[in-house]
Amino acid sequence: MSLDDINLALVSHDLVQDLKWDAELREQFVADEASVLDRYDLTPAERTAIEERDFRALYDLGFHPYLGAQFARILFANNRSGATSAVEQLLASIRQEPLGGPGTVTK
């Protein structure tokens, strides 16, 4: 992915930035992810990719790679098993491998 492939119109960029800087929003996201996602005008493809933890799909939509790493830490590391697990989950998603392990957030 080149920087030309980044879709600046993706609302998921705003979601990640908000989650990154707002501890209360992160807590709400952990407690009731759907209600937080409902606050954002995500495309159906964005929302599905987030709910399924499908970073490959997000990147294919034009998600910024830096924010992907930040989002992985929010999803898989914060309040869980650490940054290493977040990276492992991110890479598994990009490779389209099953997610699993101690840092996985399941529904």
N, C-alpha and C. Protein backbone atom coordinates (compact mmCIF):
# COMPACT_ATOMS: atom_id res chain seq x y z
N MET A 1 0.84 -1.17 0.00
CA MET A 1 0.00 0.00 0.00
C MET A 1 0.89 1.23 0.00
N SER A 2 0.57 2.13 -0.90
CA SER A 2 1.29 3.40 -0.91
C SER A 2 0.41 4.45 -0.24
N LEU A 3 1.00 5.59 0.03
CA LEU A 3 0.24 6.66 0.63
C LEU A 3 -0.88 7.14 -0.30
N ASP A 4 -0.72 6.92 -1.59
CA ASP A 4 -1.76 7.28 -2.55
C ASP A 4 -3.01 6.43 -2.38
N ASP A 5 -2.88 5.26 -1.76
CA ASP A 5 -4.00 4.35 -1.58
C ASP A 5 -4.82 4.65 -0.32
N ILE A 6 -4.36 5.57 0.50
CA ILE A 6 -5.07 5.89 1.73
C ILE A 6 -6.32 6.68 1.39
N ASN A 7 -7.43 6.23 1.94
CA ASN A 7 -8.72 6.89 1.72
C ASN A 7 -8.99 7.81 2.91
N LEU A 8 -8.74 9.09 2.72
CA LEU A 8 -8.90 10.05 3.81
C LEU A 8 -10.35 10.23 4.23
N ALA A 9 -11.29 9.75 3.42
CA ALA A 9 -12.70 9.90 3.73
C ALA A 9 -13.21 8.83 4.70
N LEU A 10 -12.40 7.83 5.01
CA LEU A 10 -12.86 6.77 5.92
C LEU A 10 -13.11 7.34 7.32
N VAL A 11 -14.29 7.13 7.81
CA VAL A 11 -14.66 7.59 9.14
C VAL A 11 -13.94 6.77 10.21
N SER A 12 -13.54 5.57 9.85
CA SER A 12 -12.82 4.73 10.81
C SER A 12 -11.52 5.38 11.26
N HIS A 13 -10.94 6.26 10.46
CA HIS A 13 -9.76 7.01 10.90
C HIS A 13 -10.12 7.87 12.11
N ASP A 14 -11.28 8.54 12.05
CA ASP A 14 -11.72 9.37 13.17
C ASP A 14 -11.99 8.51 14.41
N LEU A 15 -12.62 7.37 14.20
CA LEU A 15 -12.89 6.46 15.31
C LEU A 15 -11.61 6.09 16.04
N VAL A 16 -10.61 5.69 15.30
CA VAL A 16 -9.35 5.26 15.94
C VAL A 16 -8.69 6.42 16.67
N GLN A 17 -8.67 7.59 16.04
CA GLN A 17 -8.07 8.75 16.72
C GLN A 17 -8.82 9.07 18.00
N ASP A 18 -10.14 9.02 17.95
CA ASP A 18 -10.93 9.28 19.15
C ASP A 18 -10.65 8.24 20.23
N LEU A 19 -10.61 6.97 19.84
CA LEU A 19 -10.32 5.91 20.81
C LEU A 19 -8.92 6.07 21.40
N LYS A 20 -8.01 6.48 20.56
CA LYS A 20 -6.62 6.64 20.98
C LYS A 20 -6.49 7.71 22.07
N TRP A 21 -7.23 8.79 21.96
CA TRP A 21 -7.04 9.91 22.86
C TRP A 21 -8.07 10.02 23.96
N ASP A 22 -9.12 9.21 23.93
CA ASP A 22 -10.21 9.35 24.90
C ASP A 22 -10.38 8.05 25.69
N ALA A 23 -9.84 8.03 26.90
CA ALA A 23 -9.89 6.82 27.74
C ALA A 23 -11.32 6.40 28.04
N GLU A 24 -12.20 7.36 28.27
CA GLU A 24 -13.60 7.03 28.56
C GLU A 24 -14.26 6.36 27.36
N LEU A 25 -13.97 6.86 26.17
CA LEU A 25 -14.52 6.24 24.96
C LEU A 25 -13.99 4.81 24.80
N ARG A 26 -12.70 4.59 25.10
CA ARG A 26 -12.14 3.24 25.03
C ARG A 26 -12.86 2.31 25.99
N GLU A 27 -13.14 2.78 27.19
CA GLU A 27 -13.88 1.97 28.16
C GLU A 27 -15.27 1.63 27.64
N GLN A 28 -15.93 2.61 27.05
CA GLN A 28 -17.25 2.37 26.48
C GLN A 28 -17.17 1.37 25.33
N PHE A 29 -16.12 1.48 24.53
CA PHE A 29 -15.92 0.58 23.39
C PHE A 29 -15.76 -0.86 23.88
N VAL A 30 -15.02 -1.05 24.94
CA VAL A 30 -14.84 -2.39 25.51
C VAL A 30 -16.16 -2.91 26.07
N ALA A 31 -16.90 -2.05 26.73
CA ALA A 31 -18.15 -2.47 27.37
C ALA A 31 -19.28 -2.70 26.37
N ASP A 32 -19.35 -1.86 25.34
CA ASP A 32 -20.45 -1.95 24.38
C ASP A 32 -19.99 -1.40 23.04
N GLU A 33 -19.23 -2.22 22.33
CA GLU A 33 -18.64 -1.80 21.07
C GLU A 33 -19.68 -1.28 20.08
N ALA A 34 -20.79 -1.97 19.96
CA ALA A 34 -21.80 -1.59 18.97
C ALA A 34 -22.31 -0.18 19.21
N SER A 35 -22.52 0.19 20.46
CA SER A 35 -23.03 1.54 20.73
C SER A 35 -22.03 2.61 20.35
N VAL A 36 -20.75 2.33 20.50
CA VAL A 36 -19.73 3.29 20.07
C VAL A 36 -19.68 3.35 18.56
N LEU A 37 -19.70 2.21 17.90
CA LEU A 37 -19.68 2.21 16.44
C LEU A 37 -20.90 2.92 15.86
N ASP A 38 -22.03 2.84 16.55
CA ASP A 38 -23.25 3.51 16.09
C ASP A 38 -23.10 5.02 16.04
N ARG A 39 -22.17 5.58 16.79
CA ARG A 39 -21.97 7.03 16.82
C ARG A 39 -21.23 7.55 15.58
N TYR A 40 -20.66 6.65 14.83
CA TYR A 40 -19.83 7.02 13.68
C TYR A 40 -20.52 6.62 12.38
N ASP A 41 -20.41 7.45 11.38
CA ASP A 41 -21.04 7.21 10.09
C ASP A 41 -20.13 6.31 9.23
N LEU A 42 -19.90 5.11 9.74
CA LEU A 42 -19.04 4.14 9.05
C LEU A 42 -19.79 3.55 7.86
N THR A 43 -19.06 3.24 6.81
CA THR A 43 -19.68 2.49 5.73
C THR A 43 -19.93 1.07 6.23
N PRO A 44 -20.85 0.35 5.61
CA PRO A 44 -21.07 -1.04 6.03
C PRO A 44 -19.78 -1.86 5.96
N ALA A 45 -18.96 -1.62 4.95
CA ALA A 45 -17.71 -2.38 4.82
C ALA A 45 -16.75 -2.06 5.96
N GLU A 46 -16.66 -0.79 6.35
CA GLU A 46 -15.80 -0.41 7.48
C GLU A 46 -16.27 -1.09 8.76
N ARG A 47 -17.56 -0.98 9.01
CA ARG A 47 -18.11 -1.53 10.26
C ARG A 47 -17.88 -3.04 10.32
N THR A 48 -18.16 -3.73 9.23
CA THR A 48 -17.96 -5.18 9.21
C THR A 48 -16.50 -5.53 9.46
N ALA A 49 -15.60 -4.82 8.81
CA ALA A 49 -14.17 -5.08 9.00
C ALA A 49 -13.77 -4.87 10.45
N ILE A 50 -14.29 -3.83 11.08
CA ILE A 50 -13.97 -3.57 12.49
C ILE A 50 -14.54 -4.67 13.37
N GLU A 51 -15.79 -5.00 13.15
CA GLU A 51 -16.44 -6.02 13.99
C GLU A 51 -15.77 -7.38 13.85
N GLU A 52 -15.27 -7.66 12.65
CA GLU A 52 -14.62 -8.96 12.41
C GLU A 52 -13.12 -8.92 12.64
N ARG A 53 -12.62 -7.74 13.04
CA ARG A 53 -11.18 -7.58 13.27
C ARG A 53 -10.39 -7.91 12.01
N ASP A 54 -10.91 -7.49 10.87
CA ASP A 54 -10.34 -7.80 9.57
C ASP A 54 -9.52 -6.61 9.06
N PHE A 55 -8.27 -6.55 9.48
CA PHE A 55 -7.41 -5.44 9.09
C PHE A 55 -7.10 -5.48 7.60
N ARG A 56 -7.04 -6.64 7.03
CA ARG A 56 -6.81 -6.73 5.59
C ARG A 56 -7.92 -6.00 4.85
N ALA A 57 -9.17 -6.21 5.24
CA ALA A 57 -10.29 -5.51 4.61
C ALA A 57 -10.19 -4.00 4.84
N LEU A 58 -9.83 -3.60 6.05
CA LEU A 58 -9.66 -2.16 6.31
C LEU A 58 -8.59 -1.57 5.41
N TYR A 59 -7.46 -2.25 5.30
CA TYR A 59 -6.39 -1.74 4.44
C TYR A 59 -6.84 -1.70 2.98
N ASP A 60 -7.60 -2.70 2.56
CA ASP A 60 -8.10 -2.70 1.18
C ASP A 60 -9.04 -1.52 0.93
N LEU A 61 -9.72 -1.06 1.99
CA LEU A 61 -10.60 0.10 1.88
C LEU A 61 -9.82 1.42 1.86
N GLY A 62 -8.55 1.35 2.23
CA GLY A 62 -7.71 2.54 2.25
C GLY A 62 -7.39 3.05 3.63
N PHE A 63 -7.49 2.17 4.62
CA PHE A 63 -7.18 2.53 6.00
C PHE A 63 -5.69 2.83 6.14
N HIS A 64 -5.36 3.87 6.88
CA HIS A 64 -3.97 4.28 7.05
C HIS A 64 -3.22 3.23 7.88
N PRO A 65 -2.07 2.75 7.38
CA PRO A 65 -1.34 1.69 8.10
C PRO A 65 -0.92 2.08 9.51
N TYR A 66 -0.54 3.33 9.72
CA TYR A 66 -0.16 3.76 11.07
C TYR A 66 -1.35 3.60 12.02
N LEU A 67 -2.52 4.00 11.57
CA LEU A 67 -3.69 3.88 12.42
C LEU A 67 -4.09 2.42 12.63
N GLY A 68 -3.77 1.57 11.65
CA GLY A 68 -4.02 0.14 11.83
C GLY A 68 -3.26 -0.42 13.01
N ALA A 69 -2.00 -0.04 13.12
CA ALA A 69 -1.19 -0.49 14.26
C ALA A 69 -1.74 0.08 15.56
N GLN A 70 -2.16 1.32 15.55
CA GLN A 70 -2.75 1.92 16.74
C GLN A 70 -4.04 1.21 17.12
N PHE A 71 -4.86 0.91 16.12
CA PHE A 71 -6.13 0.25 16.38
C PHE A 71 -5.91 -1.16 16.92
N ALA A 72 -4.92 -1.85 16.39
CA ALA A 72 -4.60 -3.20 16.89
C ALA A 72 -4.24 -3.14 18.37
N ARG A 73 -3.48 -2.14 18.76
CA ARG A 73 -3.14 -2.01 20.18
C ARG A 73 -4.37 -1.76 21.02
N ILE A 74 -5.30 -0.97 20.51
CA ILE A 74 -6.54 -0.70 21.25
C ILE A 74 -7.36 -1.98 21.36
N LEU A 75 -7.48 -2.71 20.26
CA LEU A 75 -8.32 -3.91 20.24
C LEU A 75 -7.71 -5.08 20.99
N PHE A 76 -6.42 -5.27 20.86
CA PHE A 76 -5.80 -6.50 21.33
C PHE A 76 -4.85 -6.34 22.51
N ALA A 77 -4.34 -5.15 22.76
CA ALA A 77 -3.32 -5.00 23.80
C ALA A 77 -3.81 -4.27 25.03
N ASN A 78 -4.48 -3.15 24.85
CA ASN A 78 -4.94 -2.40 26.02
C ASN A 78 -5.85 -3.28 26.85
N ASN A 79 -5.58 -3.36 28.13
CA ASN A 79 -6.34 -4.17 29.07
C ASN A 79 -6.19 -5.67 28.80
N ARG A 80 -5.21 -6.08 28.04
CA ARG A 80 -5.05 -7.49 27.74
C ARG A 80 -3.59 -7.90 27.85
N SER A 81 -3.06 -8.57 26.85
CA SER A 81 -1.75 -9.21 27.02
C SER A 81 -0.58 -8.44 26.44
N GLY A 82 -0.74 -7.23 26.00
CA GLY A 82 0.39 -6.43 25.60
C GLY A 82 0.54 -6.23 24.11
N ALA A 83 1.51 -5.40 23.75
CA ALA A 83 1.72 -4.99 22.37
C ALA A 83 2.12 -6.16 21.47
N THR A 84 2.88 -7.11 21.98
CA THR A 84 3.28 -8.25 21.16
C THR A 84 2.07 -9.00 20.64
N SER A 85 1.12 -9.22 21.50
CA SER A 85 -0.11 -9.89 21.08
C SER A 85 -0.84 -9.06 20.04
N ALA A 86 -0.87 -7.75 20.20
CA ALA A 86 -1.55 -6.88 19.24
C ALA A 86 -0.92 -7.02 17.86
N VAL A 87 0.40 -7.04 17.82
CA VAL A 87 1.09 -7.17 16.53
C VAL A 87 0.80 -8.55 15.91
N GLU A 88 0.81 -9.58 16.73
CA GLU A 88 0.52 -10.92 16.22
C GLU A 88 -0.90 -10.99 15.64
N GLN A 89 -1.86 -10.38 16.31
CA GLN A 89 -3.24 -10.39 15.84
C GLN A 89 -3.38 -9.57 14.55
N LEU A 90 -2.72 -8.43 14.50
CA LEU A 90 -2.74 -7.59 13.31
C LEU A 90 -2.18 -8.35 12.12
N LEU A 91 -1.04 -8.98 12.29
CA LEU A 91 -0.42 -9.72 11.19
C LEU A 91 -1.27 -10.92 10.77
N ALA A 92 -1.86 -11.61 11.72
CA ALA A 92 -2.74 -12.73 11.38
C ALA A 92 -3.91 -12.26 10.54
N SER A 93 -4.48 -11.11 10.90
CA SER A 93 -5.60 -10.58 10.14
C SER A 93 -5.18 -10.21 8.72
N ILE A 94 -4.06 -9.56 8.59
CA ILE A 94 -3.58 -9.17 7.26
C ILE A 94 -3.31 -10.41 6.40
N ARG A 95 -2.76 -11.44 7.03
CA ARG A 95 -2.50 -12.69 6.29
C ARG A 95 -3.76 -13.52 6.08
N GLN A 96 -4.86 -13.06 6.64
CA GLN A 96 -6.16 -13.73 6.58
C GLN A 96 -6.11 -15.09 7.26
N GLU A 97 -5.38 -15.13 8.39
CA GLU A 97 -5.33 -16.31 9.24
C GLU A 97 -6.33 -16.15 10.36
N PRO A 98 -6.76 -17.25 10.96
CA PRO A 98 -7.71 -17.14 12.08
C PRO A 98 -7.09 -16.36 13.23
N LEU A 99 -7.89 -15.50 13.83
CA LEU A 99 -7.44 -14.78 15.01
C LEU A 99 -7.60 -15.69 16.21
N GLY A 100 -6.72 -15.52 17.17
CA GLY A 100 -6.81 -16.34 18.36
C GLY A 100 -5.79 -15.90 19.37
N GLY A 101 -5.78 -16.56 20.46
CA GLY A 101 -4.80 -16.27 21.49
C GLY A 101 -5.32 -15.35 22.56
N PRO A 102 -4.47 -15.06 23.51
CA PRO A 102 -4.92 -14.33 24.71
C PRO A 102 -5.36 -12.91 24.46
N GLY A 103 -4.92 -12.26 23.39
CA GLY A 103 -5.29 -10.88 23.16
C GLY A 103 -6.51 -10.70 22.29
N THR A 104 -7.13 -11.77 21.90
CA THR A 104 -8.25 -11.68 20.98
C THR A 104 -9.53 -11.25 21.68
N VAL A 105 -10.19 -10.28 21.08
CA VAL A 105 -11.50 -9.86 21.58
C VAL A 105 -12.52 -10.59 20.75
N THR A 106 -13.32 -11.42 21.38
CA THR A 106 -14.33 -12.18 20.65
C THR A 106 -15.70 -11.65 20.97
N LYS A 107 -16.63 -11.96 20.11
CA LYS A 107 -18.00 -11.50 20.30
C LYS A 107 -18.85 -12.66 20.72
